Amino acid sequence: MKRQVEFDMAAMAAGEISGRLNRAALGGTFRFTGFLARRNRNSKSVVFHIVDFDLIG
């Protein structure tokens, strides 16, 4: 059964990706590619590291 799920997550981008993201239009719909990693070595919380993204529609 399909379900719609929403959640908030910390994310970060570095280098060229951060520049592209900074120029992206606010309110757009994007598809992000990346990975999850712990915030720091001893943390239980995670951060989504953005490695690429595309505008959808």
N, C-alpha and C. Protein backbone atom coordinates (compact mmCIF):
# COMPACT_ATOMS: atom_id res chain seq x y z
N MET A 1 0.83 -1.15 0.00
CA MET A 1 0.00 0.00 0.00
C MET A 1 0.90 1.25 0.00
N LYS A 2 0.66 2.18 -0.92
CA LYS A 2 1.44 3.41 -0.98
C LYS A 2 1.03 4.33 0.15
N ARG A 3 2.04 5.03 0.69
CA ARG A 3 1.80 6.01 1.74
C ARG A 3 2.68 7.22 1.48
N GLN A 4 2.18 8.38 1.82
CA GLN A 4 2.98 9.59 1.73
C GLN A 4 3.62 9.85 3.08
N VAL A 5 4.93 10.06 3.07
CA VAL A 5 5.68 10.26 4.31
C VAL A 5 6.44 11.57 4.19
N GLU A 6 6.43 12.37 5.24
CA GLU A 6 7.19 13.61 5.28
C GLU A 6 8.06 13.62 6.52
N PHE A 7 9.27 14.18 6.40
CA PHE A 7 10.16 14.30 7.54
C PHE A 7 11.17 15.40 7.27
N ASP A 8 11.81 15.88 8.31
CA ASP A 8 12.85 16.88 8.21
C ASP A 8 14.19 16.22 8.50
N MET A 9 15.22 16.64 7.77
CA MET A 9 16.54 16.08 7.97
C MET A 9 17.58 17.15 7.65
N ALA A 10 18.61 17.20 8.45
CA ALA A 10 19.71 18.11 8.17
C ALA A 10 20.42 17.65 6.90
N ALA A 11 20.85 18.62 6.08
CA ALA A 11 21.56 18.30 4.85
C ALA A 11 22.71 19.27 4.66
N MET A 12 23.72 18.82 3.93
CA MET A 12 24.84 19.70 3.64
C MET A 12 25.37 19.42 2.24
N ALA A 13 25.90 20.47 1.62
CA ALA A 13 26.52 20.34 0.30
C ALA A 13 27.84 21.09 0.36
N ALA A 14 28.83 20.62 -0.38
CA ALA A 14 30.14 21.27 -0.37
C ALA A 14 30.64 21.44 -1.80
N GLY A 15 31.54 22.36 -1.98
CA GLY A 15 32.19 22.56 -3.27
C GLY A 15 31.25 23.08 -4.34
N GLU A 16 31.40 22.56 -5.55
CA GLU A 16 30.63 23.00 -6.71
C GLU A 16 29.13 22.80 -6.50
N ILE A 17 28.74 21.74 -5.83
CA ILE A 17 27.32 21.47 -5.59
C ILE A 17 26.71 22.57 -4.74
N SER A 18 27.42 23.07 -3.74
CA SER A 18 26.87 24.13 -2.89
C SER A 18 26.64 25.40 -3.70
N GLY A 19 27.52 25.69 -4.66
CA GLY A 19 27.32 26.85 -5.53
C GLY A 19 26.10 26.70 -6.40
N ARG A 20 25.92 25.52 -6.99
CA ARG A 20 24.73 25.26 -7.81
C ARG A 20 23.47 25.35 -6.97
N LEU A 21 23.51 24.80 -5.78
CA LEU A 21 22.35 24.83 -4.90
C LEU A 21 22.02 26.25 -4.47
N ASN A 22 23.02 27.06 -4.25
CA ASN A 22 22.83 28.46 -3.87
C ASN A 22 22.14 29.24 -4.99
N ARG A 23 22.37 28.89 -6.25
CA ARG A 23 21.77 29.57 -7.40
C ARG A 23 20.41 28.99 -7.78
N ALA A 24 20.02 27.87 -7.21
CA ALA A 24 18.74 27.22 -7.55
C ALA A 24 17.57 28.06 -7.05
N ALA A 25 16.47 28.02 -7.79
CA ALA A 25 15.28 28.80 -7.44
C ALA A 25 14.62 28.27 -6.16
N LEU A 26 14.24 29.20 -5.31
CA LEU A 26 13.51 28.82 -4.10
C LEU A 26 12.14 28.28 -4.48
N GLY A 27 11.66 27.30 -3.75
CA GLY A 27 10.34 26.74 -4.00
C GLY A 27 10.30 25.71 -5.11
N GLY A 28 11.44 25.40 -5.73
CA GLY A 28 11.48 24.40 -6.78
C GLY A 28 11.39 22.99 -6.21
N THR A 29 11.11 22.04 -7.09
CA THR A 29 11.07 20.64 -6.70
C THR A 29 12.32 19.97 -7.27
N PHE A 30 13.09 19.33 -6.40
CA PHE A 30 14.37 18.78 -6.79
C PHE A 30 14.48 17.30 -6.41
N ARG A 31 15.33 16.58 -7.13
CA ARG A 31 15.68 15.21 -6.77
C ARG A 31 17.15 15.24 -6.36
N PHE A 32 17.42 14.84 -5.13
CA PHE A 32 18.77 14.88 -4.59
C PHE A 32 19.39 13.50 -4.57
N THR A 33 20.69 13.45 -4.80
CA THR A 33 21.47 12.22 -4.71
C THR A 33 22.54 12.46 -3.66
N GLY A 34 22.73 11.48 -2.78
CA GLY A 34 23.74 11.63 -1.75
C GLY A 34 23.79 10.43 -0.84
N PHE A 35 24.27 10.67 0.36
CA PHE A 35 24.41 9.58 1.32
C PHE A 35 24.16 10.10 2.73
N LEU A 36 23.82 9.19 3.61
CA LEU A 36 23.61 9.51 5.02
C LEU A 36 24.86 9.15 5.80
N ALA A 37 25.23 10.03 6.73
CA ALA A 37 26.36 9.75 7.60
C ALA A 37 26.07 10.36 8.97
N ARG A 38 26.69 9.83 9.98
CA ARG A 38 26.52 10.40 11.32
C ARG A 38 26.99 11.85 11.34
N ARG A 39 26.33 12.67 12.15
CA ARG A 39 26.70 14.08 12.29
C ARG A 39 28.16 14.20 12.73
N ASN A 40 28.56 13.38 13.65
CA ASN A 40 29.96 13.26 14.04
C ASN A 40 30.19 11.84 14.53
N ARG A 41 31.38 11.55 14.88
CA ARG A 41 31.78 10.18 15.21
C ARG A 41 30.92 9.51 16.29
N ASN A 42 30.54 10.27 17.32
CA ASN A 42 29.81 9.69 18.44
C ASN A 42 28.31 9.98 18.40
N SER A 43 27.83 10.61 17.35
CA SER A 43 26.44 11.04 17.27
C SER A 43 25.53 9.91 16.81
N LYS A 44 24.27 9.98 17.26
CA LYS A 44 23.25 9.06 16.77
C LYS A 44 22.42 9.72 15.67
N SER A 45 22.53 11.04 15.51
CA SER A 45 21.78 11.73 14.46
C SER A 45 22.56 11.68 13.15
N VAL A 46 21.84 11.80 12.04
CA VAL A 46 22.45 11.70 10.73
C VAL A 46 22.30 13.00 9.94
N VAL A 47 23.15 13.15 8.95
CA VAL A 47 23.11 14.28 8.02
C VAL A 47 23.11 13.71 6.61
N PHE A 48 22.30 14.30 5.74
CA PHE A 48 22.27 13.90 4.34
C PHE A 48 23.30 14.75 3.59
N HIS A 49 24.31 14.10 3.01
CA HIS A 49 25.36 14.78 2.26
C HIS A 49 24.95 14.78 0.78
N ILE A 50 24.67 15.96 0.24
CA ILE A 50 24.21 16.09 -1.14
C ILE A 50 25.41 16.04 -2.08
N VAL A 51 25.39 15.12 -3.02
CA VAL A 51 26.46 15.02 -4.01
C VAL A 51 26.01 15.45 -5.40
N ASP A 52 24.68 15.50 -5.64
CA ASP A 52 24.14 15.98 -6.91
C ASP A 52 22.66 16.25 -6.73
N PHE A 53 22.11 17.05 -7.64
CA PHE A 53 20.67 17.29 -7.62
C PHE A 53 20.22 17.74 -9.00
N ASP A 54 18.94 17.52 -9.30
CA ASP A 54 18.32 17.93 -10.56
C ASP A 54 16.97 18.54 -10.26
N LEU A 55 16.60 19.52 -11.08
CA LEU A 55 15.27 20.12 -11.01
C LEU A 55 14.29 19.14 -11.61
N ILE A 56 13.16 18.94 -10.95
CA ILE A 56 12.11 18.05 -11.46
C ILE A 56 11.00 18.92 -12.03
N GLY A 57 10.60 18.64 -13.24
CA GLY A 57 9.50 19.34 -13.88
C GLY A 57 9.80 20.74 -14.13
